[in-house]
C-alpha cells in the first residue's frame, strides 16, 4: 500500500513537471517516451513478450494518443482540468464495452455515466481563453484514449488471461510516441533548447514518472485488493493540481473544482461498488 501510494504520488507530479519544461508538447512527449521505453525495456528485460496481436496494437496506439493528448492538454489548460477530464475514461468504457466486448452495462452504470457527464460539463462553465477551451477538449480526448487503452487490455485479457500484462502495450505505446515526437525536438535543439533544467525535467518525466512508476504499479497491483488500489490511486488526480498550485501558482476555476469533485466522486464510488460484490462472493479463509 505504501509503494502504491508512492506510485500515485509520482504520477501526480507529472502536471508540474510538464508545465516546468519549456518545450512544445510534441517534442516533450517524444523525449519522455523515448526515455520511458528504454527504462521499461531495462526493468522488464527477459520478461517481455513483444509479439503483436490486434489487441496489443490497439493498446499501443491508444496509449500513444493518451500520452500526446495529456501533455498537450496540460500545456494548454490547467493541470486540474487536464487530469480530471482524463479521469472521465470510465464513461466511455461503460458506453463502448457492450458493443466491443459483449459486456453488459447495468442501470447503475448509466446513472454513473449521467453524473460524470454532468461533472464534465461543469468544466466548461469557467471563463477561459480560446486556448484553455481547446485544452479542455484535448483533455477529453485523453479520457477517450485512456478508455480505448483499457478496452484493448480487457480484450487481451479475455483472449489470453496469462498474457494480459499492460507492460508490453505501454512499451510499444511509448516507442510509437517517441517515433512520432522526436522529430519535433530537432528545431528546438537548433535554438539551444531545452536547457540543463529542462533536460533534468525530461529525465524525471521519462525515467521516474513514466518508467519506474509503472514497474512499481505492476508489482503493487498484483499484491493488493482492487478496493485498496482504487482508493489509493485517487491520490493522483487530487494531488496533481495541488503540486502545480504550490509550484507555479496555477489555480483551477470554481466550476472546474466542483466538476472535478463530481467526476472524482463518481469514478471512485463506481469502482468501490464494482469491487464489493466480488469481495462478498469470494470464499473466506478457514483454519
Protein backbone atom coordinates (compact mmCIF):
# COMPACT_ATOMS: atom_id res chain seq x y z
CA UNK A 1 0.00 0.00 0.00
CA UNK A 2 2.88 2.35 0.80
CA UNK A 3 4.52 1.71 -2.59
CA UNK A 4 1.23 2.15 -4.46
CA UNK A 5 0.77 5.44 -2.63
CA UNK A 6 4.29 6.38 -3.79
CA UNK A 7 3.28 5.44 -7.34
CA UNK A 8 0.25 7.73 -7.18
CA UNK A 9 2.48 10.48 -5.78
CA UNK A 10 4.95 10.07 -8.66
CA UNK A 11 2.18 10.07 -11.27
CA UNK A 12 0.61 13.16 -9.70
CA UNK A 13 3.85 15.10 -10.15
CA UNK A 14 3.56 14.90 -13.94
CA UNK A 15 1.48 18.07 -14.27
CA UNK A 16 4.06 20.25 -12.52
CA UNK A 17 6.99 18.70 -14.41
CA UNK A 18 5.26 19.12 -17.78
CA UNK A 19 4.42 22.74 -17.01
CA UNK A 20 8.02 23.43 -15.89
CA UNK A 21 9.77 22.12 -19.04
CA UNK A 22 9.95 24.78 -21.76
CA UNK A 23 9.32 22.64 -24.84
CA UNK A 24 6.39 22.24 -27.26
CA UNK A 25 4.13 19.29 -26.38
CA UNK A 26 5.19 17.01 -29.25
CA UNK A 27 8.92 17.45 -28.63
CA UNK A 28 8.47 16.90 -24.89
CA UNK A 29 6.32 13.82 -25.40
CA UNK A 30 8.84 12.31 -27.82
CA UNK A 31 11.78 12.67 -25.45
CA UNK A 32 9.81 11.49 -22.42
CA UNK A 33 8.54 8.41 -24.24
CA UNK A 34 11.97 7.52 -25.63
CA UNK A 35 13.40 7.57 -22.09
CA UNK A 36 10.38 5.68 -20.75
CA UNK A 37 10.67 2.94 -23.38
CA UNK A 38 14.35 2.44 -22.58
CA UNK A 39 13.63 2.37 -18.84
CA UNK A 40 10.82 -0.18 -19.17
CA UNK A 41 12.89 -2.36 -21.51
CA UNK A 42 15.70 -2.40 -18.92
CA UNK A 43 13.42 -3.03 -15.92
CA UNK A 44 11.46 -5.86 -17.58
CA UNK A 45 14.22 -7.39 -19.70
CA UNK A 46 13.79 -11.12 -20.14
CA UNK A 47 10.11 -10.93 -19.12
CA UNK A 48 8.63 -9.16 -22.13
CA UNK A 49 6.55 -10.71 -24.89
CA UNK A 50 6.85 -8.16 -27.68
CA UNK A 51 4.81 -10.09 -30.23
CA UNK A 52 1.95 -8.27 -31.95
CA UNK A 53 -1.73 -9.06 -31.51
CA UNK A 54 -4.67 -6.90 -32.64
CA UNK A 55 -5.48 -6.01 -29.02
CA UNK A 56 -1.87 -5.10 -28.26
CA UNK A 57 -1.60 -2.94 -31.40
CA UNK A 58 -4.78 -1.10 -30.37
CA UNK A 59 -3.37 -0.71 -26.85
CA UNK A 60 -0.13 0.77 -28.22
CA UNK A 61 -1.87 3.31 -30.46
CA UNK A 62 -4.39 4.33 -27.80
CA UNK A 63 -1.66 4.67 -25.18
CA UNK A 64 0.37 6.84 -27.56
CA UNK A 65 -2.69 9.02 -28.16
CA UNK A 66 -3.21 9.28 -24.40
CA UNK A 67 0.39 10.39 -23.82
CA UNK A 68 0.32 13.03 -26.57
CA UNK A 69 -3.06 14.50 -25.67
CA UNK A 70 -2.24 14.57 -21.94
CA UNK A 71 0.93 16.62 -22.45
CA UNK A 72 -0.83 18.92 -24.93
CA UNK A 73 -3.81 19.45 -22.60
CA UNK A 74 -1.56 20.13 -19.61
CA UNK A 75 0.26 22.81 -21.63
CA UNK A 76 -2.97 24.38 -22.94
CA UNK A 77 -5.27 24.34 -19.89
CA UNK A 78 -4.86 23.99 -16.13
CA UNK A 79 -3.29 20.81 -14.75
CA UNK A 80 -6.50 20.18 -12.78
CA UNK A 81 -8.65 20.29 -15.92
CA UNK A 82 -6.21 18.07 -17.83
CA UNK A 83 -6.06 15.29 -15.23
CA UNK A 84 -9.68 15.34 -14.06
CA UNK A 85 -11.17 15.36 -17.57
CA UNK A 86 -8.90 12.41 -18.38
CA UNK A 87 -10.49 10.60 -15.44
CA UNK A 88 -13.82 10.53 -17.31
CA UNK A 89 -12.45 7.48 -19.17
CA UNK A 90 -14.78 5.02 -17.37
CA UNK A 91 -17.72 6.78 -19.04
CA UNK A 92 -16.51 5.76 -22.49
CA UNK A 93 -15.67 2.26 -21.25
CA UNK A 94 -19.23 1.87 -19.97
CA UNK A 95 -20.63 3.13 -23.28
CA UNK A 96 -18.41 1.01 -25.54
CA UNK A 97 -17.88 -2.23 -23.59
CA UNK A 98 -21.28 -3.74 -24.52
CA UNK A 99 -20.68 -3.27 -28.24
CA UNK A 100 -16.96 -4.10 -28.36
CA UNK A 101 -16.63 -6.75 -25.63
CA UNK A 102 -20.16 -8.00 -25.19
CA UNK A 103 -20.15 -6.95 -21.53
CA UNK A 104 -23.41 -5.70 -20.03
CA UNK A 105 -23.85 -2.09 -18.94
CA UNK A 106 -26.15 -2.05 -15.92
CA UNK A 107 -28.63 0.60 -14.86
CA UNK A 108 -26.19 1.75 -12.16
CA UNK A 109 -23.56 2.24 -14.89
CA UNK A 110 -25.89 4.52 -16.84
CA UNK A 111 -26.50 6.54 -13.69
CA UNK A 112 -22.75 6.83 -13.26
CA UNK A 113 -22.40 7.98 -16.88
CA UNK A 114 -25.01 10.69 -16.38
CA UNK A 115 -23.41 12.00 -13.17
CA UNK A 116 -19.92 12.02 -14.68
CA UNK A 117 -21.04 13.78 -17.86
CA UNK A 118 -22.71 16.42 -15.68
CA UNK A 119 -19.43 16.93 -13.81
CA UNK A 120 -17.54 17.10 -17.10
CA UNK A 121 -19.89 19.80 -18.41
CA UNK A 122 -19.18 21.98 -15.37
CA UNK A 123 -15.56 22.37 -16.50
CA UNK A 124 -16.74 24.38 -19.50
CA UNK A 125 -18.68 26.90 -17.40
CA UNK A 126 -15.49 28.65 -16.27
CA UNK A 127 -14.38 31.72 -18.19
CA UNK A 128 -11.28 30.75 -20.12
CA UNK A 129 -9.21 31.69 -23.13
CA UNK A 130 -9.67 30.04 -26.50
CA UNK A 131 -6.51 28.02 -25.82
CA UNK A 132 -7.93 26.89 -22.48
CA UNK A 133 -11.14 25.78 -24.15
CA UNK A 134 -9.21 23.76 -26.70
CA UNK A 135 -7.10 22.36 -23.87
CA UNK A 136 -10.25 21.09 -22.18
CA UNK A 137 -11.38 19.43 -25.40
CA UNK A 138 -7.96 17.81 -25.83
CA UNK A 139 -8.19 16.58 -22.22
CA UNK A 140 -11.50 14.91 -23.09
CA UNK A 141 -9.53 13.21 -25.88
CA UNK A 142 -7.13 11.92 -23.23
CA UNK A 143 -10.08 10.30 -21.47
CA UNK A 144 -11.26 8.70 -24.71
CA UNK A 145 -7.74 7.38 -25.41
CA UNK A 146 -7.45 6.05 -21.86
CA UNK A 147 -10.76 4.24 -22.33
CA UNK A 148 -9.57 2.75 -25.63
CA UNK A 149 -6.40 1.51 -23.91
CA UNK A 150 -8.47 -0.04 -21.11
CA UNK A 151 -10.78 -1.78 -23.58
CA UNK A 152 -7.79 -3.08 -25.55
CA UNK A 153 -6.23 -4.55 -22.41
CA UNK A 154 -9.58 -6.05 -21.42
CA UNK A 155 -9.92 -7.65 -24.85
CA UNK A 156 -6.43 -9.08 -24.48
CA UNK A 157 -7.33 -10.48 -21.07
CA UNK A 158 -10.44 -12.16 -22.46
CA UNK A 159 -8.41 -13.74 -25.25
CA UNK A 160 -5.42 -14.81 -23.16
CA UNK A 161 -5.51 -14.15 -19.42
CA UNK A 162 -1.95 -15.37 -18.95
CA UNK A 163 -0.64 -12.74 -21.35
CA UNK A 164 -2.66 -9.67 -20.36
CA UNK A 165 0.09 -7.59 -18.75
CA UNK A 166 -0.12 -3.87 -19.60
CA UNK A 167 3.66 -3.55 -19.83
CA UNK A 168 4.09 -4.62 -23.45
CA UNK A 169 1.26 -2.40 -24.71
CA UNK A 170 2.67 0.54 -22.75
CA UNK A 171 6.19 -0.12 -24.04
CA UNK A 172 5.02 -0.20 -27.66
CA UNK A 173 2.93 2.91 -27.00
CA UNK A 174 5.98 4.78 -25.73
CA UNK A 175 8.05 3.57 -28.69
CA UNK A 176 5.39 4.79 -31.12
CA UNK A 177 5.13 8.15 -29.32
CA UNK A 178 8.90 8.57 -29.42
CA UNK A 179 8.91 7.84 -33.16
CA UNK A 180 6.25 10.50 -33.73
CA UNK A 181 7.54 13.11 -31.30
CA UNK A 182 11.33 13.09 -31.55
CA UNK A 183 11.47 14.84 -34.97
CA UNK A 184 9.81 17.84 -33.31
CA UNK A 185 12.82 18.12 -31.00
CA UNK A 186 15.27 18.97 -33.81
CA UNK A 187 14.19 22.63 -34.30
CA UNK A 188 14.34 23.11 -30.53
CA UNK A 189 17.89 21.76 -30.35
CA UNK A 190 19.00 24.19 -33.04
CA UNK A 191 17.79 27.02 -30.74
CA UNK A 192 19.64 25.67 -27.71
CA UNK A 193 16.59 24.23 -26.00
CA UNK A 194 15.96 22.59 -23.64
CA UNK A 195 18.44 23.95 -21.10
CA UNK A 196 20.03 21.86 -18.35
CA UNK A 197 16.99 22.23 -16.08
CA UNK A 198 14.78 21.20 -19.00
CA UNK A 199 16.82 18.03 -19.60
CA UNK A 200 16.61 17.23 -15.88
CA UNK A 201 12.83 17.61 -16.04
CA UNK A 202 12.62 15.37 -19.11
CA UNK A 203 14.79 12.75 -17.42
CA UNK A 204 12.49 12.78 -14.41
CA UNK A 205 9.37 12.51 -16.59
CA UNK A 206 10.74 9.66 -18.69
CA UNK A 207 12.75 7.55 -16.26
CA UNK A 208 10.85 8.02 -12.98
CA UNK A 209 7.39 9.49 -13.62
CA UNK A 210 6.62 7.10 -16.51
CA UNK A 211 9.20 4.30 -16.34
CA UNK A 212 9.92 3.39 -12.71
CA UNK A 213 6.38 4.23 -11.63
CA UNK A 214 4.87 1.63 -13.98
CA UNK A 215 7.20 -1.05 -12.60
CA UNK A 216 6.03 -0.12 -9.09
CA UNK A 217 2.39 -0.17 -10.18
CA UNK A 218 2.63 -3.63 -11.77
CA UNK A 219 4.35 -5.01 -8.66
CA UNK A 220 1.83 -3.46 -6.25
CA UNK A 221 -1.35 -4.23 -8.16
CA UNK A 222 -0.55 -7.95 -8.05
CA UNK A 223 -0.36 -7.83 -4.25
CA UNK A 224 -3.31 -5.61 -3.32
CA UNK A 225 -7.06 -5.96 -3.49
CA UNK A 226 -8.90 -3.94 -6.10
CA UNK A 227 -10.63 -1.77 -3.48
CA UNK A 228 -7.36 -0.67 -1.88
CA UNK A 229 -5.91 0.06 -5.31
CA UNK A 230 -8.89 2.18 -6.39
CA UNK A 231 -8.86 4.27 -3.23
CA UNK A 232 -5.09 4.79 -3.15
CA UNK A 233 -4.86 5.77 -6.82
CA UNK A 234 -7.40 8.59 -6.33
CA UNK A 235 -4.43 10.44 -4.82
CA UNK A 236 -3.16 11.14 -8.34
CA UNK A 237 -5.93 13.48 -9.60
CA UNK A 238 -6.21 15.09 -6.16
CA UNK A 239 -2.50 15.87 -5.76
CA UNK A 240 -1.70 16.72 -9.39
CA UNK A 241 -3.25 20.23 -9.33
CA UNK A 242 -2.01 20.76 -5.75
CA UNK A 243 1.65 20.46 -6.83
CA UNK A 244 1.05 22.86 -9.73
CA UNK A 245 -0.72 25.34 -7.44
CA UNK A 246 2.19 25.32 -4.99
CA UNK A 247 4.91 25.21 -7.64
CA UNK A 248 3.56 27.65 -10.22
CA UNK A 249 0.60 29.36 -8.56
CA UNK A 250 -1.85 27.98 -11.13
CA UNK A 251 -5.34 27.61 -9.66
CA UNK A 252 -8.32 25.91 -11.34
CA UNK A 253 -11.60 27.81 -11.67
CA UNK A 254 -14.51 27.35 -9.27
CA UNK A 255 -16.62 25.32 -11.71
CA UNK A 256 -13.63 23.13 -12.55
CA UNK A 257 -13.22 22.36 -8.82
CA UNK A 258 -16.91 21.49 -8.50
CA UNK A 259 -16.90 19.42 -11.69
CA UNK A 260 -13.69 17.69 -10.67
CA UNK A 261 -15.21 16.76 -7.32
CA UNK A 262 -18.27 15.29 -9.06
CA UNK A 263 -16.16 13.29 -11.54
CA UNK A 264 -13.75 12.00 -8.90
CA UNK A 265 -16.55 11.02 -6.51
CA UNK A 266 -18.49 9.24 -9.26
CA UNK A 267 -15.46 7.30 -10.53
CA UNK A 268 -14.40 6.28 -7.01
CA UNK A 269 -17.88 5.23 -5.89
CA UNK A 270 -18.41 3.21 -9.06
CA UNK A 271 -15.10 1.43 -8.53
CA UNK A 272 -15.97 0.64 -4.92
CA UNK A 273 -19.45 -0.56 -5.90
CA UNK A 274 -17.99 -2.90 -8.53
CA UNK A 275 -15.44 -4.41 -6.16
CA UNK A 276 -17.65 -5.06 -3.11
CA UNK A 277 -19.99 -7.63 -4.71
CA UNK A 278 -16.93 -9.57 -5.92
CA UNK A 279 -15.42 -9.45 -2.44
CA UNK A 280 -18.59 -10.82 -0.82
CA UNK A 281 -18.63 -13.72 -3.28
CA UNK A 282 -15.00 -14.66 -2.54
CA UNK A 283 -14.64 -17.57 -0.10
CA UNK A 284 -13.21 -16.58 3.26
CA UNK A 285 -10.13 -18.07 4.85
CA UNK A 286 -10.60 -21.08 7.10
CA UNK A 287 -8.43 -22.65 9.76
